[in-house]
Amino acid sequence: MEPLNLIYWIKLGLGALAAIICVALRVNDIFTGIVMSTAVYLLSDRILKQMFAAKVDKLSSITKTGISIYIISWIFFWVLLYTLYSY
């Protein structure tokens, strides 16, 4: 698997992980959720840059790859899990 494809799938999983963290900490408002998901994204981006720096042409491609799937999966899983565990 190519490095950018792998980064894409990792960020999909990290979006779900960020949602699980938000639900586990019982985050209710969107601002706190955005701050937490941004923190997870920035931390994971730093780690992924260290892991894949030699395998890609530009480091900015690591940051840009998968940002949309990260946001979509975070929102999807946060809403789904919040709905399931709010009762």
N, C-alpha and C. Protein backbone atom coordinates (compact mmCIF):
# COMPACT_ATOMS: atom_id res chain seq x y z
N MET A 1 0.85 -1.17 0.00
CA MET A 1 0.00 0.00 0.00
C MET A 1 0.90 1.24 0.00
N GLU A 2 0.50 2.22 -0.78
CA GLU A 2 1.29 3.44 -0.86
C GLU A 2 1.15 4.26 0.42
N PRO A 3 2.16 5.06 0.75
CA PRO A 3 2.14 5.80 2.02
C PRO A 3 0.93 6.73 2.17
N LEU A 4 0.56 7.45 1.11
CA LEU A 4 -0.56 8.39 1.24
C LEU A 4 -1.90 7.66 1.41
N ASN A 5 -2.03 6.48 0.80
CA ASN A 5 -3.24 5.68 1.02
C ASN A 5 -3.31 5.19 2.46
N LEU A 6 -2.18 4.79 2.99
CA LEU A 6 -2.12 4.34 4.37
C LEU A 6 -2.44 5.48 5.33
N ILE A 7 -1.92 6.66 5.05
CA ILE A 7 -2.20 7.84 5.88
C ILE A 7 -3.70 8.15 5.85
N TYR A 8 -4.32 8.02 4.68
CA TYR A 8 -5.75 8.26 4.55
C TYR A 8 -6.55 7.35 5.47
N TRP A 9 -6.24 6.06 5.46
CA TRP A 9 -6.97 5.11 6.29
C TRP A 9 -6.67 5.28 7.77
N ILE A 10 -5.45 5.67 8.09
CA ILE A 10 -5.11 5.95 9.48
C ILE A 10 -5.93 7.13 9.99
N LYS A 11 -6.08 8.16 9.17
CA LYS A 11 -6.84 9.33 9.61
C LYS A 11 -8.33 9.02 9.73
N LEU A 12 -8.84 8.11 8.93
CA LEU A 12 -10.22 7.68 9.11
C LEU A 12 -10.40 7.05 10.48
N GLY A 13 -9.48 6.18 10.86
CA GLY A 13 -9.53 5.56 12.19
C GLY A 13 -9.32 6.56 13.31
N LEU A 14 -8.47 7.54 13.08
CA LEU A 14 -8.24 8.57 14.10
C LEU A 14 -9.47 9.45 14.30
N GLY A 15 -10.23 9.67 13.24
CA GLY A 15 -11.48 10.42 13.39
C GLY A 15 -12.45 9.67 14.28
N ALA A 16 -12.53 8.35 14.08
CA ALA A 16 -13.38 7.53 14.95
C ALA A 16 -12.85 7.52 16.39
N LEU A 17 -11.54 7.47 16.54
CA LEU A 17 -10.94 7.51 17.88
C LEU A 17 -11.22 8.83 18.58
N ALA A 18 -11.15 9.93 17.85
CA ALA A 18 -11.45 11.24 18.44
C ALA A 18 -12.92 11.29 18.89
N ALA A 19 -13.81 10.67 18.13
CA ALA A 19 -15.22 10.63 18.52
C ALA A 19 -15.41 9.78 19.77
N ILE A 20 -14.71 8.68 19.85
CA ILE A 20 -14.80 7.82 21.04
C ILE A 20 -14.30 8.58 22.27
N ILE A 21 -13.24 9.34 22.11
CA ILE A 21 -12.72 10.14 23.22
C ILE A 21 -13.75 11.18 23.65
N CYS A 22 -14.38 11.83 22.69
CA CYS A 22 -15.40 12.84 23.01
C CYS A 22 -16.57 12.22 23.76
N VAL A 23 -17.01 11.04 23.34
CA VAL A 23 -18.13 10.38 24.01
C VAL A 23 -17.71 9.88 25.38
N ALA A 24 -16.50 9.34 25.49
CA ALA A 24 -16.03 8.83 26.78
C ALA A 24 -15.90 9.94 27.82
N LEU A 25 -15.52 11.13 27.37
CA LEU A 25 -15.39 12.26 28.28
C LEU A 25 -16.68 13.06 28.41
N ARG A 26 -17.73 12.58 27.78
CA ARG A 26 -19.07 13.19 27.83
C ARG A 26 -19.06 14.66 27.40
N VAL A 27 -18.44 14.91 26.27
CA VAL A 27 -18.41 16.26 25.70
C VAL A 27 -19.78 16.54 25.10
N ASN A 28 -20.40 17.64 25.53
CA ASN A 28 -21.75 17.97 25.07
C ASN A 28 -21.79 19.10 24.07
N ASP A 29 -20.86 20.03 24.14
CA ASP A 29 -20.95 21.18 23.24
C ASP A 29 -19.95 21.05 22.09
N ILE A 30 -20.29 21.67 20.99
CA ILE A 30 -19.53 21.54 19.76
C ILE A 30 -18.15 22.19 19.88
N PHE A 31 -18.03 23.30 20.60
CA PHE A 31 -16.75 23.98 20.71
C PHE A 31 -15.71 23.10 21.38
N THR A 32 -16.07 22.47 22.47
CA THR A 32 -15.14 21.57 23.17
C THR A 32 -14.79 20.37 22.30
N GLY A 33 -15.77 19.86 21.58
CA GLY A 33 -15.53 18.75 20.67
C GLY A 33 -14.56 19.12 19.56
N ILE A 34 -14.71 20.31 19.00
CA ILE A 34 -13.81 20.77 17.95
C ILE A 34 -12.39 20.93 18.48
N VAL A 35 -12.27 21.48 19.69
CA VAL A 35 -10.94 21.65 20.29
C VAL A 35 -10.28 20.29 20.52
N MET A 36 -11.05 19.33 21.02
CA MET A 36 -10.48 18.01 21.29
C MET A 36 -10.10 17.30 19.99
N SER A 37 -10.95 17.40 18.98
CA SER A 37 -10.63 16.72 17.72
C SER A 37 -9.46 17.39 17.02
N THR A 38 -9.34 18.70 17.14
CA THR A 38 -8.18 19.40 16.57
C THR A 38 -6.90 19.00 17.28
N ALA A 39 -6.98 18.83 18.58
CA ALA A 39 -5.79 18.40 19.34
C ALA A 39 -5.36 17.00 18.90
N VAL A 40 -6.32 16.10 18.72
CA VAL A 40 -5.99 14.74 18.27
C VAL A 40 -5.39 14.80 16.87
N TYR A 41 -5.96 15.63 16.00
CA TYR A 41 -5.45 15.73 14.63
C TYR A 41 -4.03 16.28 14.61
N LEU A 42 -3.78 17.33 15.35
CA LEU A 42 -2.44 17.93 15.34
C LEU A 42 -1.39 16.99 15.93
N LEU A 43 -1.75 16.29 16.99
CA LEU A 43 -0.83 15.33 17.58
C LEU A 43 -0.55 14.18 16.62
N SER A 44 -1.59 13.66 16.00
CA SER A 44 -1.40 12.56 15.06
C SER A 44 -0.65 13.01 13.82
N ASP A 45 -0.86 14.25 13.38
CA ASP A 45 -0.15 14.78 12.22
C ASP A 45 1.35 14.85 12.49
N ARG A 46 1.69 15.26 13.68
CA ARG A 46 3.11 15.34 14.05
C ARG A 46 3.75 13.95 14.07
N ILE A 47 3.03 12.98 14.59
CA ILE A 47 3.54 11.60 14.63
C ILE A 47 3.64 11.02 13.22
N LEU A 48 2.61 11.25 12.39
CA LEU A 48 2.64 10.73 11.03
C LEU A 48 3.75 11.38 10.20
N LYS A 49 4.04 12.64 10.44
CA LYS A 49 5.14 13.29 9.73
C LYS A 49 6.47 12.64 10.08
N GLN A 50 6.65 12.26 11.32
CA GLN A 50 7.89 11.59 11.72
C GLN A 50 7.98 10.19 11.11
N MET A 51 6.85 9.51 11.00
CA MET A 51 6.84 8.15 10.48
C MET A 51 7.03 8.10 8.96
N PHE A 52 6.41 9.05 8.24
CA PHE A 52 6.37 8.98 6.79
C PHE A 52 7.19 10.06 6.09
N ALA A 53 8.05 10.75 6.78
CA ALA A 53 8.81 11.86 6.19
C ALA A 53 9.67 11.40 5.02
N ALA A 54 10.28 10.26 5.13
CA ALA A 54 11.18 9.79 4.07
C ALA A 54 10.43 9.15 2.91
N LYS A 55 9.14 8.86 3.09
CA LYS A 55 8.39 8.13 2.07
C LYS A 55 7.54 9.00 1.16
N VAL A 56 7.41 10.29 1.47
CA VAL A 56 6.61 11.20 0.65
C VAL A 56 7.48 12.33 0.13
N ASP A 57 6.98 13.00 -0.91
CA ASP A 57 7.75 14.09 -1.51
C ASP A 57 7.76 15.34 -0.63
N LYS A 58 6.56 15.77 -0.20
CA LYS A 58 6.45 16.98 0.62
C LYS A 58 5.74 16.64 1.92
N LEU A 59 6.20 17.25 3.01
CA LEU A 59 5.57 17.02 4.31
C LEU A 59 4.15 17.58 4.37
N SER A 60 3.88 18.60 3.57
CA SER A 60 2.54 19.18 3.59
C SER A 60 1.51 18.21 3.03
N SER A 61 1.93 17.27 2.19
CA SER A 61 0.98 16.29 1.67
C SER A 61 0.49 15.35 2.76
N ILE A 62 1.28 15.15 3.80
CA ILE A 62 0.84 14.33 4.93
C ILE A 62 -0.28 15.03 5.68
N THR A 63 -0.14 16.34 5.87
CA THR A 63 -1.17 17.11 6.58
C THR A 63 -2.45 17.19 5.77
N LYS A 64 -2.34 17.38 4.47
CA LYS A 64 -3.51 17.57 3.63
C LYS A 64 -4.25 16.27 3.32
N THR A 65 -3.53 15.17 3.28
CA THR A 65 -4.16 13.90 2.93
C THR A 65 -5.06 13.43 4.07
N GLY A 66 -6.32 13.21 3.74
CA GLY A 66 -7.25 12.64 4.70
C GLY A 66 -7.89 13.59 5.67
N ILE A 67 -7.71 14.89 5.51
CA ILE A 67 -8.32 15.81 6.47
C ILE A 67 -9.85 15.79 6.36
N SER A 68 -10.36 15.64 5.15
CA SER A 68 -11.82 15.62 4.99
C SER A 68 -12.42 14.34 5.58
N ILE A 69 -11.78 13.19 5.37
CA ILE A 69 -12.31 11.95 5.93
C ILE A 69 -12.18 11.95 7.44
N TYR A 70 -11.17 12.62 7.97
CA TYR A 70 -11.03 12.73 9.42
C TYR A 70 -12.22 13.50 10.00
N ILE A 71 -12.54 14.63 9.40
CA ILE A 71 -13.65 15.45 9.90
C ILE A 71 -14.98 14.72 9.75
N ILE A 72 -15.19 14.10 8.59
CA ILE A 72 -16.45 13.39 8.36
C ILE A 72 -16.60 12.21 9.30
N SER A 73 -15.54 11.42 9.48
CA SER A 73 -15.66 10.27 10.37
C SER A 73 -15.80 10.71 11.82
N TRP A 74 -15.15 11.79 12.20
CA TRP A 74 -15.30 12.28 13.58
C TRP A 74 -16.74 12.69 13.85
N ILE A 75 -17.32 13.47 12.93
CA ILE A 75 -18.70 13.92 13.12
C ILE A 75 -19.66 12.73 13.11
N PHE A 76 -19.49 11.84 12.14
CA PHE A 76 -20.38 10.68 12.02
C PHE A 76 -20.35 9.83 13.29
N PHE A 77 -19.17 9.44 13.73
CA PHE A 77 -19.07 8.57 14.89
C PHE A 77 -19.44 9.27 16.19
N TRP A 78 -19.16 10.57 16.27
CA TRP A 78 -19.55 11.29 17.48
C TRP A 78 -21.07 11.34 17.61
N VAL A 79 -21.75 11.67 16.54
CA VAL A 79 -23.22 11.72 16.56
C VAL A 79 -23.79 10.34 16.82
N LEU A 80 -23.26 9.32 16.15
CA LEU A 80 -23.76 7.96 16.33
C LEU A 80 -23.56 7.48 17.76
N LEU A 81 -22.36 7.60 18.27
CA LEU A 81 -22.09 7.11 19.61
C LEU A 81 -22.78 7.94 20.69
N TYR A 82 -22.86 9.25 20.48
CA TYR A 82 -23.54 10.11 21.44
C TYR A 82 -25.01 9.74 21.52
N THR A 83 -25.60 9.43 20.35
CA THR A 83 -27.00 9.04 20.31
C THR A 83 -27.21 7.70 21.01
N LEU A 84 -26.32 6.77 20.78
CA LEU A 84 -26.47 5.44 21.38
C LEU A 84 -26.26 5.46 22.89
N TYR A 85 -25.33 6.26 23.38
CA TYR A 85 -24.99 6.24 24.79
C TYR A 85 -25.59 7.39 25.60
N SER A 86 -26.49 8.15 25.01
CA SER A 86 -27.10 9.24 25.78
C SER A 86 -28.30 8.77 26.58
N TYR A 87 -28.74 7.55 26.37
CA TYR A 87 -29.90 7.04 27.11
C TYR A 87 -29.51 6.31 28.35
